[in-house]
Amino acid sequence: MTNKRLVLTTASSQEEARRLAKALVERRLAACVNIVPNMNSVFRWKENVVESHEFLLLMKTTESVVPKLREAIQELHSYDVPECIVLPIEEGSAAYLDWIDESVT
C-alpha cells in the first residue's frame, strides 16, 4: 500500500470538468486529472430517479492532500453534493508514484 490516492468526482459538462481539473492541478492538489467524457449516470436525487450525462474526473494525489482536495471540490463544484470518493492506490511504477509526490503539496 502507498500513500497515493485516486479521487473520483463527476461534472455536469465538459467545460466544468476542464475548469475543475485545471484549478486542482494549478493548486497542486492533484498531480493529474483524467476526464472521461459522455458518461451516463442514473441516480436518486430529491426522491426522483434522474438520468444525466456527466464527465468523470479521475484525480491522482496523496493521502495528506485529500482533505484540501475535498474542500476545493466543494468550493469549485456546481453540484450541491459533489461526489468525492477516495480510493487507495496499492502499488504502481516507482517513477510515477514519485512524480505524484513531486507534483502535489
C-alpha atoms as a PDB file:
ATOM      1  CA  MET A   1       0.000   0.000   0.000  1.00  0.00           C
ATOM      2  CA  THR A   2       1.187   3.513  -0.831  1.00  0.00           C
ATOM      3  CA  ASN A   3       0.126   6.931   0.419  1.00  0.00           C
ATOM      4  CA  LYS A   4      -1.206   7.732  -3.076  1.00  0.00           C
ATOM      5  CA  ARG A   5      -4.921   8.127  -3.710  1.00  0.00           C
ATOM      6  CA  LEU A   6      -7.276   8.097  -6.676  1.00  0.00           C
ATOM      7  CA  VAL A   7     -10.143  10.532  -6.132  1.00  0.00           C
ATOM      8  CA  LEU A   8     -13.305  10.443  -8.240  1.00  0.00           C
ATOM      9  CA  THR A   9     -15.854  13.138  -8.910  1.00  0.00           C
ATOM     10  CA  THR A  10     -18.258  13.936 -11.724  1.00  0.00           C
ATOM     11  CA  ALA A  11     -19.124  17.152 -13.532  1.00  0.00           C
ATOM     12  CA  SER A  12     -22.197  18.219 -15.471  1.00  0.00           C
ATOM     13  CA  SER A  13     -20.350  19.468 -18.551  1.00  0.00           C
ATOM     14  CA  GLN A  14     -17.020  19.287 -20.323  1.00  0.00           C
ATOM     15  CA  GLU A  15     -16.433  22.953 -19.512  1.00  0.00           C
ATOM     16  CA  GLU A  16     -16.954  22.362 -15.788  1.00  0.00           C
ATOM     17  CA  ALA A  17     -14.770  19.229 -15.858  1.00  0.00           C
ATOM     18  CA  ARG A  18     -11.924  21.133 -17.514  1.00  0.00           C
ATOM     19  CA  ARG A  19     -12.313  24.077 -15.128  1.00  0.00           C
ATOM     20  CA  LEU A  20     -12.185  21.778 -12.097  1.00  0.00           C
ATOM     21  CA  ALA A  21      -9.238  19.783 -13.457  1.00  0.00           C
ATOM     22  CA  LYS A  22      -7.188  22.859 -14.256  1.00  0.00           C
ATOM     23  CA  ALA A  23      -7.870  24.511 -10.890  1.00  0.00           C
ATOM     24  CA  LEU A  24      -6.989  21.374  -8.922  1.00  0.00           C
ATOM     25  CA  VAL A  25      -3.716  20.850 -10.792  1.00  0.00           C
ATOM     26  CA  GLU A  26      -2.817  24.562 -10.595  1.00  0.00           C
ATOM     27  CA  ARG A  27      -3.421  24.484  -6.819  1.00  0.00           C
ATOM     28  CA  ARG A  28      -1.135  21.412  -6.650  1.00  0.00           C
ATOM     29  CA  LEU A  29      -3.916  19.336  -5.110  1.00  0.00           C
ATOM     30  CA  ALA A  30      -3.755  16.768  -7.901  1.00  0.00           C
ATOM     31  CA  ALA A  31      -0.800  15.670  -9.999  1.00  0.00           C
ATOM     32  CA  CYS A  32      -3.061  14.701 -12.878  1.00  0.00           C
ATOM     33  CA  VAL A  33      -6.769  14.728 -13.637  1.00  0.00           C
ATOM     34  CA  ASN A  34      -8.155  12.485 -16.365  1.00  0.00           C
ATOM     35  CA  ILE A  35     -11.543  13.452 -17.793  1.00  0.00           C
ATOM     36  CA  VAL A  36     -13.725  10.620 -19.067  1.00  0.00           C
ATOM     37  CA  PRO A  37     -16.436  12.127 -21.307  1.00  0.00           C
ATOM     38  CA  ASN A  38     -20.046  11.239 -22.011  1.00  0.00           C
ATOM     39  CA  MET A  39     -20.799   9.007 -19.075  1.00  0.00           C
ATOM     40  CA  ASN A  40     -24.442   8.198 -18.386  1.00  0.00           C
ATOM     41  CA  SER A  41     -25.440   8.341 -14.725  1.00  0.00           C
ATOM     42  CA  VAL A  42     -28.657   7.165 -13.102  1.00  0.00           C
ATOM     43  CA  PHE A  43     -29.158   8.296  -9.516  1.00  0.00           C
ATOM     44  CA  ARG A  44     -31.700   9.277  -6.899  1.00  0.00           C
ATOM     45  CA  TRP A  45     -31.932  13.000  -6.212  1.00  0.00           C
ATOM     46  CA  LYS A  46     -34.629  14.607  -4.074  1.00  0.00           C
ATOM     47  CA  GLU A  47     -36.834  11.500  -4.210  1.00  0.00           C
ATOM     48  CA  ASN A  48     -36.650  11.257  -8.011  1.00  0.00           C
ATOM     49  CA  VAL A  49     -34.699   8.896 -10.210  1.00  0.00           C
ATOM     50  CA  VAL A  50     -32.672  11.057 -12.568  1.00  0.00           C
ATOM     51  CA  GLU A  51     -30.656  10.204 -15.664  1.00  0.00           C
ATOM     52  CA  SER A  52     -27.894  12.568 -16.686  1.00  0.00           C
ATOM     53  CA  HIS A  53     -24.847  12.843 -18.948  1.00  0.00           C
ATOM     54  CA  GLU A  54     -21.767  13.551 -16.878  1.00  0.00           C
ATOM     55  CA  PHE A  55     -17.995  13.690 -17.098  1.00  0.00           C
ATOM     56  CA  LEU A  56     -15.924  11.559 -14.724  1.00  0.00           C
ATOM     57  CA  LEU A  57     -12.781  13.063 -13.233  1.00  0.00           C
ATOM     58  CA  LEU A  58     -10.005  10.746 -12.012  1.00  0.00           C
ATOM     59  CA  MET A  59      -7.567  12.640  -9.800  1.00  0.00           C
ATOM     60  CA  LYS A  60      -4.197  11.321  -8.646  1.00  0.00           C
ATOM     61  CA  THR A  61      -2.958  12.747  -5.349  1.00  0.00           C
ATOM     62  CA  THR A  62      -1.502  11.861  -1.954  1.00  0.00           C
ATOM     63  CA  GLU A  63      -3.309  10.909   1.225  1.00  0.00           C
ATOM     64  CA  SER A  64      -2.189  14.050   3.070  1.00  0.00           C
ATOM     65  CA  VAL A  65      -3.658  16.342   0.385  1.00  0.00           C
ATOM     66  CA  VAL A  66      -7.086  14.658   0.242  1.00  0.00           C
ATOM     67  CA  PRO A  67      -8.766  16.943   2.850  1.00  0.00           C
ATOM     68  CA  LYS A  68      -7.719  20.087   0.927  1.00  0.00           C
ATOM     69  CA  LEU A  69      -8.731  18.470  -2.362  1.00  0.00           C
ATOM     70  CA  ARG A  70     -12.147  17.615  -0.924  1.00  0.00           C
ATOM     71  CA  GLU A  71     -12.600  21.221   0.250  1.00  0.00           C
ATOM     72  CA  ALA A  72     -11.619  22.559  -3.179  1.00  0.00           C
ATOM     73  CA  ILE A  73     -14.073  20.260  -4.950  1.00  0.00           C
ATOM     74  CA  GLN A  74     -16.848  21.504  -2.658  1.00  0.00           C
ATOM     75  CA  GLU A  75     -15.810  25.138  -3.246  1.00  0.00           C
ATOM     76  CA  LEU A  76     -15.493  24.933  -7.040  1.00  0.00           C
ATOM     77  CA  HIS A  77     -18.252  22.495  -7.948  1.00  0.00           C
ATOM     78  CA  SER A  78     -21.698  23.418  -9.287  1.00  0.00           C
ATOM     79  CA  TYR A  79     -23.400  20.462  -7.570  1.00  0.00           C
ATOM     80  CA  ASP A  80     -24.959  20.842  -4.115  1.00  0.00           C
ATOM     81  CA  VAL A  81     -23.490  17.453  -3.172  1.00  0.00           C
ATOM     82  CA  PRO A  82     -20.491  16.720  -5.410  1.00  0.00           C
ATOM     83  CA  GLU A  83     -19.144  13.198  -5.500  1.00  0.00           C
ATOM     84  CA  CYS A  84     -15.813  12.765  -3.745  1.00  0.00           C
ATOM     85  CA  ILE A  85     -14.776   9.138  -3.466  1.00  0.00           C
ATOM     86  CA  VAL A  86     -11.236   8.313  -2.392  1.00  0.00           C
ATOM     87  CA  LEU A  87      -9.601   5.010  -3.334  1.00  0.00           C
ATOM     88  CA  PRO A  88      -6.176   3.815  -2.198  1.00  0.00           C
ATOM     89  CA  ILE A  89      -3.525   3.148  -4.819  1.00  0.00           C
ATOM     90  CA  GLU A  90      -1.954  -0.059  -3.594  1.00  0.00           C
ATOM     91  CA  GLU A  91       1.023  -0.012  -5.929  1.00  0.00           C
ATOM     92  CA  GLY A  92       2.334   1.456  -9.155  1.00  0.00           C
ATOM     93  CA  SER A  93       5.518   2.243 -11.008  1.00  0.00           C
ATOM     94  CA  ALA A  94       8.017   3.893  -8.674  1.00  0.00           C
ATOM     95  CA  ALA A  95       8.727   6.731 -11.094  1.00  0.00           C
ATOM     96  CA  TYR A  96       5.019   7.568 -11.488  1.00  0.00           C
ATOM     97  CA  LEU A  97       4.365   7.446  -7.742  1.00  0.00           C
ATOM     98  CA  ASP A  98       7.385   9.700  -7.130  1.00  0.00           C
ATOM     99  CA  TRP A  99       6.043  12.126  -9.757  1.00  0.00           C
ATOM    100  CA  ILE A 100       2.733  12.344  -7.868  1.00  0.00           C
ATOM    101  CA  ASP A 101       4.692  13.258  -4.709  1.00  0.00           C
ATOM    102  CA  GLU A 102       6.645  15.932  -6.574  1.00  0.00           C
ATOM    103  CA  SER A 103       3.512  17.390  -8.178  1.00  0.00           C
ATOM    104  CA  VAL A 104       1.282  17.918  -5.132  1.00  0.00           C
ATOM    105  CA  THR A 105       1.859  19.891  -1.943  1.00  0.00           C
END
